């Protein structure tokens, strides 16, 4: 009986300590207060970043409109680029390490008012390459691109929530 009370008290103390340190569990992004519906305007509507941003907007309660005329705000993606650069090569001149870079540039308009001037965001990740497991490394690169897109969408959502 005493042991159960001690465990409960310890769990309560740990919860209080975590709450006091400012820990916040990941979940929905903060909802942008400046608009309730948005249209995402991008050269490539199927890019990983645009899809991740649309999912984040919907998850935060913003209606994502297909028609810009029906949306309160237009989020314009002017740059959405994924690039890779060789960081190191083997003695046989075969690439061994790459740097994957994902760059986006975006702005937000509400009617004729520019809510957010063009902003740039960029993330990079390094990954190793091994030609003996080519399919696995290609899959790893694809997963890294998706993760970078989700991280960039979260960055954009934080900026939209601050409007």
Protein backbone atom coordinates (compact mmCIF):
# COMPACT_ATOMS: atom_id res chain seq x y z
CA UNK A 1 0.00 0.00 0.00
CA UNK A 2 2.76 2.41 0.99
CA UNK A 3 4.68 1.57 -2.16
CA UNK A 4 1.67 2.53 -4.34
CA UNK A 5 1.37 5.88 -2.57
CA UNK A 6 5.10 6.51 -2.98
CA UNK A 7 4.96 5.70 -6.70
CA UNK A 8 1.96 8.00 -7.17
CA UNK A 9 3.70 10.81 -5.27
CA UNK A 10 6.84 10.35 -7.34
CA UNK A 11 4.83 10.43 -10.59
CA UNK A 12 3.06 13.60 -9.44
CA UNK A 13 6.37 15.24 -8.54
CA UNK A 14 7.88 14.32 -11.93
CA UNK A 15 4.83 15.75 -13.71
CA UNK A 16 5.10 19.01 -11.77
CA UNK A 17 8.81 19.29 -12.54
CA UNK A 18 8.23 18.73 -16.27
CA UNK A 19 5.45 21.31 -16.34
CA UNK A 20 7.61 23.84 -14.50
CA UNK A 21 10.55 23.50 -16.90
CA UNK A 22 8.45 24.57 -19.92
CA UNK A 23 8.34 21.19 -21.65
CA UNK A 24 5.63 21.13 -24.30
CA UNK A 25 4.63 17.95 -26.05
CA UNK A 26 4.64 18.05 -29.82
CA UNK A 27 1.27 18.17 -31.40
CA UNK A 28 -0.76 20.60 -33.42
CA UNK A 29 0.93 23.76 -34.52
CA UNK A 30 -0.49 26.99 -33.15
CA UNK A 31 -3.40 28.31 -35.20
CA UNK A 32 -2.73 31.50 -37.17
CA UNK A 33 -5.04 34.16 -35.70
CA UNK A 34 -4.84 36.42 -38.78
CA UNK A 35 -6.93 34.14 -41.01
CA UNK A 36 -9.27 31.15 -40.89
CA UNK A 37 -8.83 29.97 -44.48
CA UNK A 38 -5.85 29.98 -46.81
CA UNK A 39 -4.85 29.08 -50.33
CA UNK A 40 -1.34 27.77 -50.93
CA UNK A 41 -0.02 29.11 -54.24
CA UNK A 42 3.06 27.25 -55.47
CA UNK A 43 4.65 26.29 -58.79
CA UNK A 44 4.55 22.62 -57.74
CA UNK A 45 1.46 21.74 -55.71
CA UNK A 46 2.74 18.19 -55.23
CA UNK A 47 6.10 19.01 -53.64
CA UNK A 48 6.85 17.53 -50.23
CA UNK A 49 6.92 20.97 -48.61
CA UNK A 50 3.60 22.17 -50.07
CA UNK A 51 1.90 18.93 -49.04
CA UNK A 52 3.38 19.13 -45.51
CA UNK A 53 2.32 22.77 -45.19
CA UNK A 54 -1.23 22.00 -46.31
CA UNK A 55 -1.44 19.15 -43.78
CA UNK A 56 -0.12 21.41 -41.01
CA UNK A 57 -2.58 24.16 -41.88
CA UNK A 58 -5.49 21.71 -41.85
CA UNK A 59 -4.33 20.15 -38.57
CA UNK A 60 -4.21 23.59 -36.93
CA UNK A 61 -7.78 24.34 -37.95
CA UNK A 62 -7.18 26.49 -41.04
CA UNK A 63 -9.39 25.63 -44.02
CA UNK A 64 -7.17 25.02 -47.06
CA UNK A 65 -9.00 26.34 -50.12
CA UNK A 66 -8.27 25.22 -53.67
CA UNK A 67 -9.59 28.52 -55.03
CA UNK A 68 -7.65 31.66 -54.02
CA UNK A 69 -10.80 33.82 -54.35
CA UNK A 70 -12.51 31.87 -51.54
CA UNK A 71 -9.55 32.08 -49.14
CA UNK A 72 -8.93 34.86 -46.62
CA UNK A 73 -5.19 34.66 -47.13
CA UNK A 74 -2.85 33.46 -49.87
CA UNK A 75 0.40 31.80 -48.89
CA UNK A 76 2.69 32.17 -51.89
CA UNK A 77 5.60 29.75 -52.19
CA UNK A 78 8.05 31.38 -54.59
CA UNK A 79 10.94 28.95 -54.04
CA UNK A 80 10.82 25.26 -53.21
CA UNK A 81 14.16 23.63 -53.98
CA UNK A 82 15.92 20.46 -52.90
CA UNK A 83 19.60 20.18 -53.68
CA UNK A 84 22.50 17.97 -52.83
CA UNK A 85 26.21 18.59 -52.70
CA UNK A 86 29.07 16.12 -52.39
CA UNK A 87 30.95 16.62 -49.13
CA UNK A 88 33.54 13.86 -49.38
CA UNK A 89 34.78 11.22 -51.82
CA UNK A 90 36.64 7.94 -51.42
CA UNK A 91 40.13 7.20 -52.69
CA UNK A 92 38.48 5.81 -55.85
CA UNK A 93 36.70 9.16 -56.35
CA UNK A 94 33.28 7.77 -55.40
CA UNK A 95 31.05 10.08 -53.33
CA UNK A 96 30.86 8.99 -49.71
CA UNK A 97 28.98 11.83 -48.04
CA UNK A 98 26.37 14.28 -49.28
CA UNK A 99 24.73 17.37 -47.89
CA UNK A 100 21.01 17.60 -48.62
CA UNK A 101 19.58 21.14 -48.64
CA UNK A 102 15.91 22.14 -48.74
CA UNK A 103 15.18 25.83 -49.38
CA UNK A 104 11.82 27.57 -49.41
CA UNK A 105 10.76 31.18 -49.81
CA UNK A 106 7.24 32.26 -48.92
CA UNK A 107 5.05 35.28 -48.33
CA UNK A 108 1.50 35.85 -47.11
CA UNK A 109 -1.13 38.23 -48.42
CA UNK A 110 -4.60 38.92 -47.08
CA UNK A 111 -6.49 40.73 -49.80
CA UNK A 112 -4.28 43.62 -50.87
CA UNK A 113 -2.37 43.69 -47.57
CA UNK A 114 0.95 41.90 -47.27
CA UNK A 115 0.85 40.17 -43.90
CA UNK A 116 4.30 38.67 -44.24
CA UNK A 117 7.01 39.93 -46.59
CA UNK A 118 8.99 37.26 -48.48
CA UNK A 119 10.82 35.08 -45.99
CA UNK A 120 13.41 32.40 -46.67
CA UNK A 121 13.95 29.21 -44.71
CA UNK A 122 16.62 26.59 -45.31
CA UNK A 123 17.55 23.32 -43.64
CA UNK A 124 20.42 20.94 -44.35
CA UNK A 125 21.25 17.37 -43.40
CA UNK A 126 24.29 15.25 -44.13
CA UNK A 127 24.05 11.62 -45.13
CA UNK A 128 26.51 8.96 -46.13
CA UNK A 129 26.45 7.08 -49.39
CA UNK A 130 27.37 3.48 -50.11
CA UNK A 131 27.01 2.15 -53.65
CA UNK A 132 26.73 -1.43 -52.38
CA UNK A 133 23.35 -0.62 -50.80
CA UNK A 134 22.12 1.82 -53.41
CA UNK A 135 18.37 1.22 -52.98
CA UNK A 136 18.55 1.67 -49.22
CA UNK A 137 20.52 4.89 -49.55
CA UNK A 138 18.09 6.26 -52.15
CA UNK A 139 15.26 5.50 -49.73
CA UNK A 140 17.18 7.20 -46.92
CA UNK A 141 17.60 10.31 -49.07
CA UNK A 142 13.88 10.36 -49.83
CA UNK A 143 13.02 10.04 -46.14
CA UNK A 144 15.42 12.87 -45.31
CA UNK A 145 13.77 15.10 -47.93
CA UNK A 146 10.36 14.36 -46.39
CA UNK A 147 11.65 15.11 -42.89
CA UNK A 148 13.19 18.39 -44.04
CA UNK A 149 9.90 19.36 -45.70
CA UNK A 150 7.97 18.65 -42.48
CA UNK A 151 10.49 20.64 -40.44
CA UNK A 152 10.26 23.58 -42.86
CA UNK A 153 6.46 23.44 -42.73
CA UNK A 154 6.67 23.64 -38.92
CA UNK A 155 8.94 26.69 -39.21
CA UNK A 156 6.46 28.37 -41.55
CA UNK A 157 3.55 27.50 -39.25
CA UNK A 158 5.32 29.15 -36.29
CA UNK A 159 5.76 32.31 -38.36
CA UNK A 160 2.10 32.22 -39.45
CA UNK A 161 0.97 31.76 -35.83
CA UNK A 162 2.89 34.91 -34.90
CA UNK A 163 0.85 37.04 -37.34
